PDB file of all heavy atoms in Angstrom:
ATOM      1  N   GLN A   1     251.028 272.174   0.752  1.00  0.00           N
ATOM      2  CA  GLN A   1     250.108 272.779   1.580  1.00  0.00           C
ATOM      3  C   GLN A   1     250.753 273.265   2.916  1.00  0.00           C
ATOM      4  O   GLN A   1     250.598 274.454   3.351  1.00  0.00           O
ATOM      5  CB  GLN A   1     248.879 271.841   1.980  1.00  0.00           C
ATOM      6  CG  GLN A   1     247.829 272.440   2.849  1.00  0.00           C
ATOM      7  CD  GLN A   1     246.872 271.520   3.404  1.00  0.00           C
ATOM      8  OE1 GLN A   1     247.056 270.344   3.135  1.00  0.00           O
ATOM      9  NE2 GLN A   1     245.867 271.930   4.037  1.00  0.00           N
ATOM     10  N   ASP A   2     251.519 272.330   3.524  1.00  0.00           N
ATOM     11  CA  ASP A   2     252.302 272.674   4.685  1.00  0.00           C
ATOM     12  C   ASP A   2     253.319 273.821   4.403  1.00  0.00           C
ATOM     13  O   ASP A   2     253.456 274.766   5.199  1.00  0.00           O
ATOM     14  CB  ASP A   2     253.088 271.498   5.163  1.00  0.00           C
ATOM     15  CG  ASP A   2     252.254 270.411   5.867  1.00  0.00           C
ATOM     16  OD1 ASP A   2     251.075 270.688   6.036  1.00  0.00           O
ATOM     17  OD2 ASP A   2     252.789 269.374   6.095  1.00  0.00           O
ATOM     18  N   ASN A   3     253.903 273.736   3.222  1.00  0.00           N
ATOM     19  CA  ASN A   3     254.935 274.886   2.851  1.00  0.00           C
ATOM     20  C   ASN A   3     254.197 276.203   2.906  1.00  0.00           C
ATOM     21  O   ASN A   3     254.697 277.179   3.524  1.00  0.00           O
ATOM     22  CB  ASN A   3     255.369 274.652   1.398  1.00  0.00           C
ATOM     23  CG  ASN A   3     256.370 273.530   1.124  1.00  0.00           C
ATOM     24  OD1 ASN A   3     256.319 273.012   0.146  1.00  0.00           O
ATOM     25  ND2 ASN A   3     257.034 273.065   2.207  1.00  0.00           N
ATOM     26  N   ALA A   4     252.954 276.236   2.398  1.00  0.00           N
ATOM     27  CA  ALA A   4     252.229 277.547   2.317  1.00  0.00           C
ATOM     28  C   ALA A   4     251.759 277.931   3.680  1.00  0.00           C
ATOM     29  O   ALA A   4     252.029 279.131   4.045  1.00  0.00           O
ATOM     30  CB  ALA A   4     251.031 277.358   1.412  1.00  0.00           C
ATOM     31  N   VAL A   5     251.187 277.145   4.451  1.00  0.00           N
ATOM     32  CA  VAL A   5     250.577 277.461   5.793  1.00  0.00           C
ATOM     33  C   VAL A   5     251.688 277.884   6.672  1.00  0.00           C
ATOM     34  O   VAL A   5     251.611 278.983   7.380  1.00  0.00           O
ATOM     35  CB  VAL A   5     249.844 276.290   6.363  1.00  0.00           C
ATOM     36  CG1 VAL A   5     249.392 276.573   7.788  1.00  0.00           C
ATOM     37  CG2 VAL A   5     248.549 276.075   5.479  1.00  0.00           C
ATOM     38  N   MET A   6     252.802 277.167   6.715  1.00  0.00           N
ATOM     39  CA  MET A   6     253.845 277.443   7.734  1.00  0.00           C
ATOM     40  C   MET A   6     254.693 278.558   7.272  1.00  0.00           C
ATOM     41  O   MET A   6     255.237 279.351   8.173  1.00  0.00           O
ATOM     42  CB  MET A   6     254.756 276.074   7.878  1.00  0.00           C
ATOM     43  CG  MET A   6     253.957 275.030   8.588  1.00  0.00           C
ATOM     44  SD  MET A   6     254.927 273.529   8.814  1.00  0.00           S
ATOM     45  CE  MET A   6     253.745 272.319   9.462  1.00  0.00           C
ATOM     46  N   SER A   7     254.917 278.778   5.933  1.00  0.00           N
ATOM     47  CA  SER A   7     255.685 279.834   5.468  1.00  0.00           C
ATOM     48  C   SER A   7     254.857 281.136   5.718  1.00  0.00           C
ATOM     49  O   SER A   7     255.407 282.270   6.117  1.00  0.00           O
ATOM     50  CB  SER A   7     255.980 279.729   4.013  1.00  0.00           C
ATOM     51  OG  SER A   7     256.774 278.711   3.735  1.00  0.00           O
ATOM     52  N   ALA A   8     253.565 281.042   5.485  1.00  0.00           N
ATOM     53  CA  ALA A   8     252.669 282.217   5.800  1.00  0.00           C
ATOM     54  C   ALA A   8     252.785 282.756   7.259  1.00  0.00           C
ATOM     55  O   ALA A   8     252.889 283.920   7.471  1.00  0.00           O
ATOM     56  CB  ALA A   8     251.258 281.967   5.331  1.00  0.00           C
ATOM     57  N   ALA A   9     252.703 281.757   8.141  1.00  0.00           N
ATOM     58  CA  ALA A   9     252.783 282.111   9.553  1.00  0.00           C
ATOM     59  C   ALA A   9     254.091 282.809   9.938  1.00  0.00           C
ATOM     60  O   ALA A   9     254.154 283.783  10.691  1.00  0.00           O
ATOM     61  CB  ALA A   9     252.554 280.798  10.383  1.00  0.00           C
ATOM     62  N   MET A  10     255.110 282.298   9.341  1.00  0.00           N
ATOM     63  CA  MET A  10     256.549 282.824   9.620  1.00  0.00           C
ATOM     64  C   MET A  10     256.662 284.193   9.001  1.00  0.00           C
ATOM     65  O   MET A  10     257.169 285.118   9.627  1.00  0.00           O
ATOM     66  CB  MET A  10     257.496 281.926   9.030  1.00  0.00           C
ATOM     67  CG  MET A  10     258.992 282.181   9.386  1.00  0.00           C
ATOM     68  SD  MET A  10     260.069 280.950   8.745  1.00  0.00           S
ATOM     69  CE  MET A  10     259.676 279.553   9.928  1.00  0.00           C
ATOM     70  N   LEU A  11     256.125 284.361   7.735  1.00  0.00           N
ATOM     71  CA  LEU A  11     256.335 285.725   7.102  1.00  0.00           C
ATOM     72  C   LEU A  11     255.409 286.751   7.687  1.00  0.00           C
ATOM     73  O   LEU A  11     255.787 287.889   7.740  1.00  0.00           O
ATOM     74  CB  LEU A  11     256.073 285.475   5.584  1.00  0.00           C
ATOM     75  CG  LEU A  11     257.126 284.675   4.869  1.00  0.00           C
ATOM     76  CD1 LEU A  11     256.639 284.413   3.429  1.00  0.00           C
ATOM     77  CD2 LEU A  11     258.430 285.461   4.811  1.00  0.00           C
ATOM     78  N   LYS A  12     254.191 286.355   8.048  1.00  0.00           N
ATOM     79  CA  LYS A  12     253.264 287.390   8.605  1.00  0.00           C
ATOM     80  C   LYS A  12     253.800 287.909   9.861  1.00  0.00           C
ATOM     81  O   LYS A  12     253.549 289.061  10.219  1.00  0.00           O
ATOM     82  CB  LYS A  12     251.849 286.762   8.709  1.00  0.00           C
ATOM     83  CG  LYS A  12     251.198 286.573   7.332  1.00  0.00           C
ATOM     84  CD  LYS A  12     249.805 285.982   7.525  1.00  0.00           C
ATOM     85  CE  LYS A  12     249.154 285.740   6.100  1.00  0.00           C
ATOM     86  NZ  LYS A  12     247.830 285.039   6.260  1.00  0.00           N
ATOM     87  N   THR A  13     254.472 287.080  10.637  1.00  0.00           N
ATOM     88  CA  THR A  13     255.063 287.596  11.871  1.00  0.00           C
ATOM     89  C   THR A  13     256.154 288.631  11.640  1.00  0.00           C
ATOM     90  O   THR A  13     256.264 289.548  12.409  1.00  0.00           O
ATOM     91  CB  THR A  13     255.769 286.371  12.671  1.00  0.00           C
ATOM     92  OG1 THR A  13     254.788 285.411  12.931  1.00  0.00           O
ATOM     93  CG2 THR A  13     256.386 286.871  13.873  1.00  0.00           C
ATOM     94  N   ALA A  14     256.762 288.605  10.432  1.00  0.00           N
ATOM     95  CA  ALA A  14     257.740 289.507  10.080  1.00  0.00           C
ATOM     96  C   ALA A  14     257.123 290.666   9.238  1.00  0.00           C
ATOM     97  O   ALA A  14     257.805 291.553   8.653  1.00  0.00           O
ATOM     98  CB  ALA A  14     258.880 288.890   9.220  1.00  0.00           C
ATOM     99  N   GLY A  15     255.772 290.653   9.061  1.00  0.00           N
ATOM    100  CA  GLY A  15     255.126 291.730   8.369  1.00  0.00           C
ATOM    101  C   GLY A  15     255.132 291.549   6.914  1.00  0.00           C
ATOM    102  O   GLY A  15     254.946 292.560   6.148  1.00  0.00           O
ATOM    103  N   VAL A  16     255.431 290.355   6.427  1.00  0.00           N
ATOM    104  CA  VAL A  16     255.530 290.142   4.948  1.00  0.00           C
ATOM    105  C   VAL A  16     254.181 289.481   4.430  1.00  0.00           C
ATOM    106  O   VAL A  16     253.773 288.418   5.006  1.00  0.00           O
ATOM    107  CB  VAL A  16     256.674 289.190   4.588  1.00  0.00           C
ATOM    108  CG1 VAL A  16     256.690 288.871   3.149  1.00  0.00           C
ATOM    109  CG2 VAL A  16     257.985 289.882   4.974  1.00  0.00           C
ATOM    110  N   GLU A  17     253.537 290.026   3.408  1.00  0.00           N
ATOM    111  CA  GLU A  17     252.304 289.453   2.889  1.00  0.00           C
ATOM    112  C   GLU A  17     252.374 289.289   1.425  1.00  0.00           C
ATOM    113  O   GLU A  17     251.481 288.586   0.821  1.00  0.00           O
ATOM    114  CB  GLU A  17     251.087 290.373   3.220  1.00  0.00           C
ATOM    115  CG  GLU A  17     250.819 290.449   4.768  1.00  0.00           C
ATOM    116  CD  GLU A  17     249.614 291.270   5.028  1.00  0.00           C
ATOM    117  OE1 GLU A  17     249.111 291.995   4.097  1.00  0.00           O
ATOM    118  OE2 GLU A  17     249.151 291.271   6.110  1.00  0.00           O
ATOM    119  N   ARG A  18     253.382 289.812   0.737  1.00  0.00           N
ATOM    120  CA  ARG A  18     253.458 289.723  -0.707  1.00  0.00           C
ATOM    121  C   ARG A  18     254.836 289.127  -1.134  1.00  0.00           C
ATOM    122  O   ARG A  18     255.851 289.666  -0.670  1.00  0.00           O
ATOM    123  CB  ARG A  18     253.382 291.154  -1.291  1.00  0.00           C
ATOM    124  CG  ARG A  18     251.990 291.829  -1.095  1.00  0.00           C
ATOM    125  CD  ARG A  18     251.943 293.172  -1.715  1.00  0.00           C
ATOM    126  NE  ARG A  18     253.016 294.087  -1.342  1.00  0.00           N
ATOM    127  CZ  ARG A  18     253.187 294.857  -0.307  1.00  0.00           C
ATOM    128  NH1 ARG A  18     252.197 294.708   0.641  1.00  0.00           N
ATOM    129  NH2 ARG A  18     254.157 295.591  -0.077  1.00  0.00           N
ATOM    130  N   VAL A  19     254.827 287.964  -1.797  1.00  0.00           N
ATOM    131  CA  VAL A  19     255.948 287.260  -2.142  1.00  0.00           C
ATOM    132  C   VAL A  19     256.106 286.858  -3.539  1.00  0.00           C
ATOM    133  O   VAL A  19     255.096 286.781  -4.295  1.00  0.00           O
ATOM    134  CB  VAL A  19     256.053 285.957  -1.253  1.00  0.00           C
ATOM    135  CG1 VAL A  19     256.019 286.228   0.254  1.00  0.00           C
ATOM    136  CG2 VAL A  19     254.849 284.946  -1.655  1.00  0.00           C
ATOM    137  N   LEU A  20     257.335 286.590  -3.987  1.00  0.00           N
ATOM    138  CA  LEU A  20     257.572 285.961  -5.244  1.00  0.00           C
ATOM    139  C   LEU A  20     257.748 284.484  -4.927  1.00  0.00           C
ATOM    140  O   LEU A  20     258.474 284.126  -3.968  1.00  0.00           O
ATOM    141  CB  LEU A  20     258.882 286.452  -5.826  1.00  0.00           C
ATOM    142  CG  LEU A  20     259.002 287.891  -6.265  1.00  0.00           C
ATOM    143  CD1 LEU A  20     260.366 288.156  -6.845  1.00  0.00           C
ATOM    144  CD2 LEU A  20     257.862 288.348  -7.148  1.00  0.00           C
ATOM    145  N   LEU A  21     256.979 283.665  -5.582  1.00  0.00           N
ATOM    146  CA  LEU A  21     256.923 282.227  -5.368  1.00  0.00           C
ATOM    147  C   LEU A  21     257.813 281.480  -6.422  1.00  0.00           C
ATOM    148  O   LEU A  21     257.393 281.477  -7.618  1.00  0.00           O
ATOM    149  CB  LEU A  21     255.553 281.693  -5.270  1.00  0.00           C
ATOM    150  CG  LEU A  21     255.324 280.296  -4.900  1.00  0.00           C
ATOM    151  CD1 LEU A  21     255.930 279.908  -3.621  1.00  0.00           C
ATOM    152  CD2 LEU A  21     253.879 279.912  -5.015  1.00  0.00           C
ATOM    153  N   VAL A  22     258.828 280.784  -6.016  1.00  0.00           N
ATOM    154  CA  VAL A  22     259.684 280.071  -6.991  1.00  0.00           C
ATOM    155  C   VAL A  22     259.536 278.564  -6.865  1.00  0.00           C
ATOM    156  O   VAL A  22     259.652 277.984  -5.697  1.00  0.00           O
ATOM    157  CB  VAL A  22     261.193 280.329  -6.683  1.00  0.00           C
ATOM    158  CG1 VAL A  22     262.098 279.588  -7.545  1.00  0.00           C
ATOM    159  CG2 VAL A  22     261.476 281.855  -6.786  1.00  0.00           C
ATOM    160  N   THR A  23     259.121 277.953  -7.813  1.00  0.00           N
ATOM    161  CA  THR A  23     258.980 276.554  -8.019  1.00  0.00           C
ATOM    162  C   THR A  23     258.985 276.077  -9.505  1.00  0.00           C
ATOM    163  O   THR A  23     258.983 277.057 -10.358  1.00  0.00           O
ATOM    164  CB  THR A  23     257.683 275.940  -7.314  1.00  0.00           C
ATOM    165  OG1 THR A  23     257.866 274.534  -7.319  1.00  0.00           O
ATOM    166  CG2 THR A  23     256.424 276.412  -7.988  1.00  0.00           C
ATOM    167  N   ASP A  24     258.931 274.837  -9.852  1.00  0.00           N
ATOM    168  CA  ASP A  24     258.862 274.399 -11.203  1.00  0.00           C
ATOM    169  C   ASP A  24     257.565 274.904 -11.853  1.00  0.00           C
ATOM    170  O   ASP A  24     256.544 275.023 -11.310  1.00  0.00           O
ATOM    171  CB  ASP A  24     258.857 272.911 -11.327  1.00  0.00           C
ATOM    172  CG  ASP A  24     260.065 272.300 -10.585  1.00  0.00           C
ATOM    173  OD1 ASP A  24     261.009 272.999 -10.285  1.00  0.00           O
ATOM    174  OD2 ASP A  24     260.027 271.051 -10.364  1.00  0.00           O
TER     175      ASP A  24
END
């Protein structure tokens, strides 16, 4: 949950809203 919320805040600042999500 923290990964998602904090990554979203960082990426949206850079204008990024669409990502490839890598995990198991």
